[in-house]
Amino acid sequence: MSEVETDAYGLWSLVVINSLVFIIFAFSFARPKSSTDWRSFGAFSAFLVALFTEMYGFPLTIYLLSGWLQTQFPEVDFLSHDAGHLLEVTIGWRANPHFGVFHIASNVLIFGGFWLLASAWKVLYAAQREHRLAATGPYARMRHPQYVAFVMILFGFLLQWPTLLTLAMFPVLVFMYVRLARREERDALAGFGDEYRRYMESVPAFLPRFGAQAGSAGGTA
């Protein structure tokens, strides 16, 4: 094993620390309750563990694609940490990848996702305590801001450090969040009836409607 490989990977303490930091932070806002919530959050956590394992522990994607990568980019040392930012490498970015367009977009999505998650949870928590539907803040723009936030975070990490495993997991997670959102809508319709039906008619599910207010209706997570 070369010196570069030793320095760049095998850092399992960083795998554990980064995984725990992001999982605990997300858990503090997501607060899973039902078995479906826990499965969805567990899949989100597995995505992060898989990501940081390849980022700091063992670069499985690099090894599996090593033949093609070395043929296409013979001048790149793919056992260096910077080369793990595959999107920057494949478009020819040879400077510090942390200043590349994909990494910058990744940071915007990740931090924006956590901001949206925190903002949505604050509104939802207050609504639950008062036994009403959430209708302000992010819920005035979209019906499921928490799930949108999770997808933003996951996609942000994909842009920063794409791997074969996380690329396969991403559409599965998106499907799970959409399915969970639909189930919550059925529960809300059963519990709030016409009030929630009017809310559905005026506020989109996932893509925010800027410049339009939700009115007096409310939403779920």
Protein backbone atom coordinates (compact mmCIF):
# COMPACT_ATOMS: atom_id res chain seq x y z
CA MET A 1 0.00 0.00 0.00
CA SER A 2 1.46 3.33 -1.02
CA GLU A 3 1.99 6.28 1.30
CA VAL A 4 -0.72 8.25 -0.49
CA GLU A 5 -3.24 5.45 -0.06
CA THR A 6 -2.39 5.10 3.64
CA ASP A 7 -2.82 8.82 4.19
CA ALA A 8 -6.03 9.14 2.18
CA TYR A 9 -8.00 6.10 3.36
CA GLY A 10 -8.26 3.74 6.29
CA LEU A 11 -9.33 6.66 8.49
CA TRP A 12 -12.11 4.76 10.23
CA SER A 13 -12.35 7.20 13.11
CA LEU A 14 -13.40 9.87 10.59
CA VAL A 15 -15.96 7.46 9.15
CA VAL A 16 -17.52 7.01 12.59
CA ILE A 17 -17.33 10.68 13.62
CA ASN A 18 -18.78 12.09 10.40
CA SER A 19 -21.52 9.48 10.24
CA LEU A 20 -22.59 10.12 13.83
CA VAL A 21 -22.51 13.91 13.50
CA PHE A 22 -24.79 14.01 10.46
CA ILE A 23 -27.08 11.19 11.62
CA ILE A 24 -27.58 12.66 15.09
CA PHE A 25 -28.14 16.14 13.68
CA ALA A 26 -30.76 14.84 11.23
CA PHE A 27 -32.38 12.74 13.95
CA SER A 28 -32.79 15.80 16.18
CA PHE A 29 -35.17 17.24 13.57
CA ALA A 30 -36.69 14.17 11.93
CA ARG A 31 -37.79 12.47 15.18
CA PRO A 32 -38.99 9.17 13.61
CA LYS A 33 -42.00 7.64 15.35
CA SER A 34 -43.63 4.88 13.33
CA SER A 35 -41.94 1.78 11.92
CA THR A 36 -42.08 3.37 8.46
CA ASP A 37 -40.40 6.51 9.80
CA TRP A 38 -37.63 4.40 11.31
CA ARG A 39 -37.11 2.43 8.09
CA SER A 40 -36.83 5.64 6.10
CA PHE A 41 -34.46 7.22 8.59
CA GLY A 42 -32.47 3.99 8.77
CA ALA A 43 -32.04 4.05 4.99
CA PHE A 44 -30.92 7.69 5.20
CA SER A 45 -28.39 6.73 7.88
CA ALA A 46 -27.15 3.77 5.80
CA PHE A 47 -26.59 6.14 2.88
CA LEU A 48 -24.38 8.38 5.04
CA VAL A 49 -22.42 5.44 6.46
CA ALA A 50 -21.83 4.05 2.96
CA LEU A 51 -20.75 7.50 1.76
CA PHE A 52 -18.26 8.20 4.55
CA THR A 53 -16.92 4.64 4.39
CA GLU A 54 -15.82 5.27 0.81
CA MET A 55 -14.76 8.82 1.53
CA TYR A 56 -12.42 7.97 4.40
CA GLY A 57 -12.36 4.21 4.88
CA PHE A 58 -12.18 2.03 1.76
CA PRO A 59 -12.64 3.49 -1.78
CA LEU A 60 -14.67 0.63 -3.24
CA THR A 61 -15.90 2.62 -6.25
CA ILE A 62 -12.36 3.70 -7.11
CA TYR A 63 -11.18 0.10 -7.04
CA LEU A 64 -14.09 -1.21 -9.11
CA LEU A 65 -13.63 1.50 -11.74
CA SER A 66 -9.83 1.63 -11.52
CA GLY A 67 -9.22 0.10 -14.96
CA TRP A 68 -11.46 2.57 -16.77
CA LEU A 69 -10.31 5.53 -14.67
CA GLN A 70 -6.63 4.88 -15.24
CA THR A 71 -7.21 4.46 -18.97
CA GLN A 72 -9.16 7.71 -19.26
CA PHE A 73 -7.11 9.74 -16.77
CA PRO A 74 -3.61 8.24 -16.60
CA GLU A 75 -2.16 11.36 -15.00
CA VAL A 76 -4.45 11.19 -11.94
CA ASP A 77 -3.52 9.35 -8.74
CA PHE A 78 -6.91 7.93 -7.80
CA LEU A 79 -5.66 6.77 -4.42
CA SER A 80 -5.32 10.40 -3.34
CA HIS A 81 -8.22 11.88 -1.41
CA ASP A 82 -8.82 14.76 -3.82
CA ALA A 83 -9.29 12.33 -6.72
CA GLY A 84 -12.28 10.86 -4.90
CA HIS A 85 -14.23 13.90 -6.06
CA LEU A 86 -14.92 12.07 -9.30
CA LEU A 87 -17.15 14.67 -10.91
CA GLU A 88 -14.45 17.34 -10.69
CA VAL A 89 -11.84 14.89 -11.96
CA THR A 90 -13.86 13.70 -14.95
CA ILE A 91 -14.53 17.25 -16.19
CA GLY A 92 -10.83 18.08 -15.98
CA TRP A 93 -10.75 20.14 -12.77
CA ARG A 94 -7.15 19.80 -11.57
CA ALA A 95 -7.12 22.49 -8.88
CA ASN A 96 -8.41 21.97 -5.35
CA PRO A 97 -11.72 20.08 -5.86
CA HIS A 98 -13.21 21.79 -2.80
CA PHE A 99 -13.45 24.92 -4.93
CA GLY A 100 -14.95 23.11 -7.91
CA VAL A 101 -18.47 23.81 -9.13
CA PHE A 102 -19.84 20.44 -7.99
CA HIS A 103 -18.41 20.76 -4.50
CA ILE A 104 -19.76 24.28 -4.10
CA ALA A 105 -23.20 23.16 -5.31
CA SER A 106 -22.96 20.25 -2.89
CA ASN A 107 -22.33 22.52 0.07
CA VAL A 108 -25.25 24.75 -0.91
CA LEU A 109 -27.59 21.75 -1.11
CA ILE A 110 -26.39 20.14 2.13
CA PHE A 111 -26.51 23.27 4.26
CA GLY A 112 -29.71 24.41 2.57
CA GLY A 113 -31.25 21.01 3.27
CA PHE A 114 -30.37 21.11 6.94
CA TRP A 115 -31.67 24.67 7.19
CA LEU A 116 -34.95 23.61 5.59
CA LEU A 117 -35.16 20.58 7.87
CA ALA A 118 -34.67 22.73 10.97
CA SER A 119 -37.16 25.37 9.79
CA ALA A 120 -39.79 22.77 8.96
CA TRP A 121 -39.41 20.92 12.26
CA LYS A 122 -39.84 24.16 14.24
CA VAL A 123 -43.17 24.85 12.53
CA LEU A 124 -44.35 21.24 12.71
CA TYR A 125 -43.45 20.87 16.38
CA ALA A 126 -45.43 24.00 17.32
CA ALA A 127 -48.42 22.81 15.28
CA GLN A 128 -48.39 19.38 16.90
CA ARG A 129 -48.32 20.88 20.38
CA GLU A 130 -51.35 23.01 19.53
CA HIS A 131 -53.14 20.14 17.76
CA ARG A 132 -53.42 21.97 14.45
CA LEU A 133 -52.00 21.63 10.98
CA ALA A 134 -48.70 23.28 10.03
CA ALA A 135 -49.33 26.11 7.57
CA THR A 136 -46.56 28.66 8.03
CA GLY A 137 -42.92 28.89 7.09
CA PRO A 138 -41.86 26.15 4.63
CA TYR A 139 -45.32 24.58 4.90
CA ALA A 140 -46.79 27.63 3.21
CA ARG A 141 -44.73 26.78 0.12
CA MET A 142 -44.76 22.97 -0.04
CA ARG A 143 -46.59 20.21 1.79
CA HIS A 144 -43.56 18.04 2.62
CA PRO A 145 -40.52 20.26 3.28
CA GLN A 146 -38.86 17.74 5.59
CA TYR A 147 -38.67 15.09 2.88
CA VAL A 148 -37.51 17.66 0.35
CA ALA A 149 -34.77 18.59 2.83
CA PHE A 150 -33.60 14.98 3.12
CA VAL A 151 -33.45 14.62 -0.67
CA MET A 152 -31.48 17.87 -0.94
CA ILE A 153 -28.94 16.60 1.61
CA LEU A 154 -28.57 13.23 -0.10
CA PHE A 155 -28.21 14.75 -3.56
CA GLY A 156 -25.70 17.24 -2.20
CA PHE A 157 -23.53 14.41 -0.90
CA LEU A 158 -23.84 12.64 -4.26
CA LEU A 159 -22.46 15.70 -6.04
CA GLN A 160 -19.60 15.92 -3.58
CA TRP A 161 -18.57 12.27 -3.51
CA PRO A 162 -20.44 9.97 -5.92
CA THR A 163 -20.13 6.22 -5.33
CA LEU A 164 -21.74 3.25 -7.02
CA LEU A 165 -23.52 2.21 -3.82
CA THR A 166 -24.96 5.63 -2.97
CA LEU A 167 -26.01 6.17 -6.60
CA ALA A 168 -28.00 2.94 -6.34
CA MET A 169 -29.47 3.91 -2.95
CA PHE A 170 -30.55 7.43 -3.91
CA PRO A 171 -33.59 6.59 -6.09
CA VAL A 172 -34.71 4.01 -3.53
CA LEU A 173 -34.65 6.64 -0.79
CA VAL A 174 -36.52 9.17 -2.94
CA PHE A 175 -39.20 6.55 -3.60
CA MET A 176 -39.46 5.81 0.13
CA TYR A 177 -39.94 9.49 0.98
CA VAL A 178 -42.59 9.96 -1.70
CA ARG A 179 -44.42 6.87 -0.45
CA LEU A 180 -44.23 8.06 3.14
CA ALA A 181 -45.52 11.51 2.13
CA ARG A 182 -48.52 9.96 0.38
CA ARG A 183 -49.33 7.86 3.43
CA GLU A 184 -49.21 10.93 5.67
CA GLU A 185 -51.53 12.75 3.29
CA ARG A 186 -54.09 9.96 3.59
CA ASP A 187 -53.87 10.20 7.37
CA ALA A 188 -54.26 14.00 7.23
CA LEU A 189 -57.31 13.72 4.98
CA ALA A 190 -58.86 11.24 7.39
CA GLY A 191 -58.14 13.51 10.35
CA PHE A 192 -58.78 16.99 8.96
CA GLY A 193 -61.01 16.38 5.95
CA ASP A 194 -61.86 19.40 3.80
CA GLU A 195 -59.35 21.63 5.57
CA TYR A 196 -56.46 19.52 4.37
CA ARG A 197 -58.08 18.95 0.97
CA ARG A 198 -58.14 22.73 0.40
CA TYR A 199 -54.51 22.88 1.48
CA MET A 200 -53.58 20.22 -1.08
CA GLU A 201 -55.30 22.23 -3.80
CA SER A 202 -53.36 25.41 -3.03
CA VAL A 203 -49.89 24.14 -2.05
CA PRO A 204 -47.72 21.76 -4.12
CA ALA A 205 -46.34 18.61 -2.54
CA PHE A 206 -42.59 18.91 -3.17
CA LEU A 207 -41.71 21.77 -5.52
CA PRO A 208 -42.18 25.06 -3.65
CA ARG A 209 -44.59 27.63 -5.04
CA PHE A 210 -42.99 31.02 -4.53
CA GLY A 211 -45.20 34.06 -4.45
CA ALA A 212 -48.27 32.08 -3.39
CA GLN A 213 -49.55 31.70 0.15
CA ALA A 214 -51.20 28.58 1.47
CA GLY A 215 -53.99 30.47 3.16
CA SER A 216 -55.45 29.15 6.39
CA ALA A 217 -55.02 25.44 5.70
CA GLY A 218 -52.16 23.33 7.01
CA GLY A 219 -49.91 20.45 6.15
CA THR A 220 -48.06 17.41 7.39
CA ALA A 221 -44.36 16.64 7.32
